Protein backbone atom coordinates (compact mmCIF):
# COMPACT_ATOMS: atom_id res chain seq x y z
CA UNK A 1 -32.37 1.39 -5.69
CA UNK A 2 -30.66 -0.01 -2.51
CA UNK A 3 -30.09 3.33 -1.60
CA UNK A 4 -33.39 4.22 -1.50
CA UNK A 5 -34.52 1.00 0.16
CA UNK A 6 -31.96 2.13 2.69
CA UNK A 7 -33.27 5.36 3.35
CA UNK A 8 -37.15 4.80 3.78
CA UNK A 9 -35.83 2.02 6.39
CA UNK A 10 -34.13 4.71 7.97
CA UNK A 11 -37.19 6.77 7.87
CA UNK A 12 -39.51 4.04 9.13
CA UNK A 13 -37.78 3.39 12.31
CA UNK A 14 -36.71 6.51 13.41
CA UNK A 15 -40.14 7.62 13.61
CA UNK A 16 -40.50 10.45 11.37
CA UNK A 17 -43.42 11.14 9.93
CA UNK A 18 -43.65 11.27 5.91
CA UNK A 19 -46.68 12.22 4.04
CA UNK A 20 -47.31 10.25 0.97
CA UNK A 21 -47.58 12.28 -2.71
CA UNK A 22 -49.31 11.61 -5.53
CA UNK A 23 -46.39 9.35 -7.20
CA UNK A 24 -46.03 7.62 -3.75
CA UNK A 25 -42.48 8.95 -3.04
CA UNK A 26 -41.76 9.91 0.81
CA UNK A 27 -41.41 13.52 0.96
CA UNK A 28 -39.75 14.61 4.19
CA UNK A 29 -37.71 17.37 4.79
CA UNK A 30 -36.15 16.52 8.24
CA UNK A 31 -34.40 13.57 6.73
CA UNK A 32 -30.49 13.25 8.79
CA UNK A 33 -27.80 13.55 6.48
CA UNK A 34 -24.79 11.76 7.08
CA UNK A 35 -21.48 13.30 5.77
CA UNK A 36 -18.84 10.29 4.80
CA UNK A 37 -15.73 10.64 6.87
CA UNK A 38 -12.45 9.53 5.05
CA UNK A 39 -10.01 7.76 7.29
CA UNK A 40 -7.48 6.98 5.03
CA UNK A 41 -5.30 9.73 5.32
CA UNK A 42 -5.82 10.59 8.93
CA UNK A 43 -7.20 9.28 12.47
CA UNK A 44 -10.38 10.89 14.10
CA UNK A 45 -8.08 12.77 16.15
CA UNK A 46 -6.70 14.40 12.91
CA UNK A 47 -3.22 13.00 13.05
CA UNK A 48 -2.00 12.08 10.11
CA UNK A 49 -1.11 8.90 9.32
CA UNK A 50 2.24 7.11 7.97
CA UNK A 51 2.70 5.90 4.57
CA UNK A 52 1.95 2.31 3.76
CA UNK A 53 4.41 -0.10 2.99
CA UNK A 54 5.44 -0.32 -0.46
CA UNK A 55 5.66 -4.29 -1.76
CA UNK A 56 8.10 -4.24 -4.46
CA UNK A 57 6.61 -5.14 -7.40
CA UNK A 58 9.81 -6.18 -9.93
CA UNK A 59 10.16 -7.11 -13.36
CA UNK A 60 10.30 -10.56 -12.56
CA UNK A 61 7.01 -10.73 -10.43
CA UNK A 62 5.38 -9.01 -13.83
CA UNK A 63 6.86 -11.32 -16.58
CA UNK A 64 5.75 -14.14 -14.41
CA UNK A 65 2.20 -13.04 -14.77
CA UNK A 66 2.36 -11.66 -18.22
CA UNK A 67 4.07 -14.43 -20.13
CA UNK A 68 1.79 -17.35 -19.26
CA UNK A 69 -1.42 -15.09 -20.30
CA UNK A 70 0.02 -14.22 -23.31
CA UNK A 71 0.79 -17.94 -24.25
CA UNK A 72 -2.81 -18.60 -23.45
CA UNK A 73 -4.20 -16.31 -25.35
CA UNK A 74 -2.01 -17.03 -28.07
CA UNK A 75 -2.98 -20.37 -27.90
CA UNK A 76 -6.87 -19.84 -27.85
CA UNK A 77 -6.78 -17.46 -30.61
CA UNK A 78 -4.93 -19.74 -32.66
CA UNK A 79 -7.44 -23.12 -32.00
CA UNK A 80 -10.11 -20.88 -32.90
CA UNK A 81 -8.87 -19.57 -35.90
CA UNK A 82 -8.23 -22.97 -37.05
CA UNK A 83 -11.95 -23.90 -36.20
CA UNK A 84 -12.99 -20.98 -38.17
CA UNK A 85 -11.04 -22.28 -41.36
CA UNK A 86 -12.14 -25.57 -41.25
CA UNK A 87 -16.05 -24.76 -41.23
CA UNK A 88 -14.84 -22.28 -43.87
CA UNK A 89 -16.21 -19.17 -41.86
CA UNK A 90 -13.74 -16.99 -42.38
CA UNK A 91 -11.87 -17.89 -44.93
CA UNK A 92 -8.82 -15.05 -46.23
CA UNK A 93 -8.48 -15.21 -50.45
CA UNK A 94 -5.00 -15.57 -51.61
CA UNK A 95 -4.76 -12.76 -53.96
CA UNK A 96 -1.85 -12.32 -55.82
CA UNK A 97 -1.17 -8.39 -56.52
CA UNK A 98 1.61 -9.71 -59.29
CA UNK A 99 1.68 -6.55 -61.43
């Protein structure tokens, strides 16, 4: 949707004449098409850029992020299970399969 609005505004601003069709879509054969250029690995002159700096992501950093979120998730699920059981929404039955 946004791309079609951008194309429409580009057509109108460049002064290209467009023909309105039956379905009110603009039809024009001389639409300038821009080719996307990726400059992530090379400069405009064609030189290859050096490798980016790596940020070390150690086990300690990963633990500092994962453990608190696991703990909070455990607390939320435990409290929600207690709420369901309190309101008798989901109460597991005590089935003893003694043969």
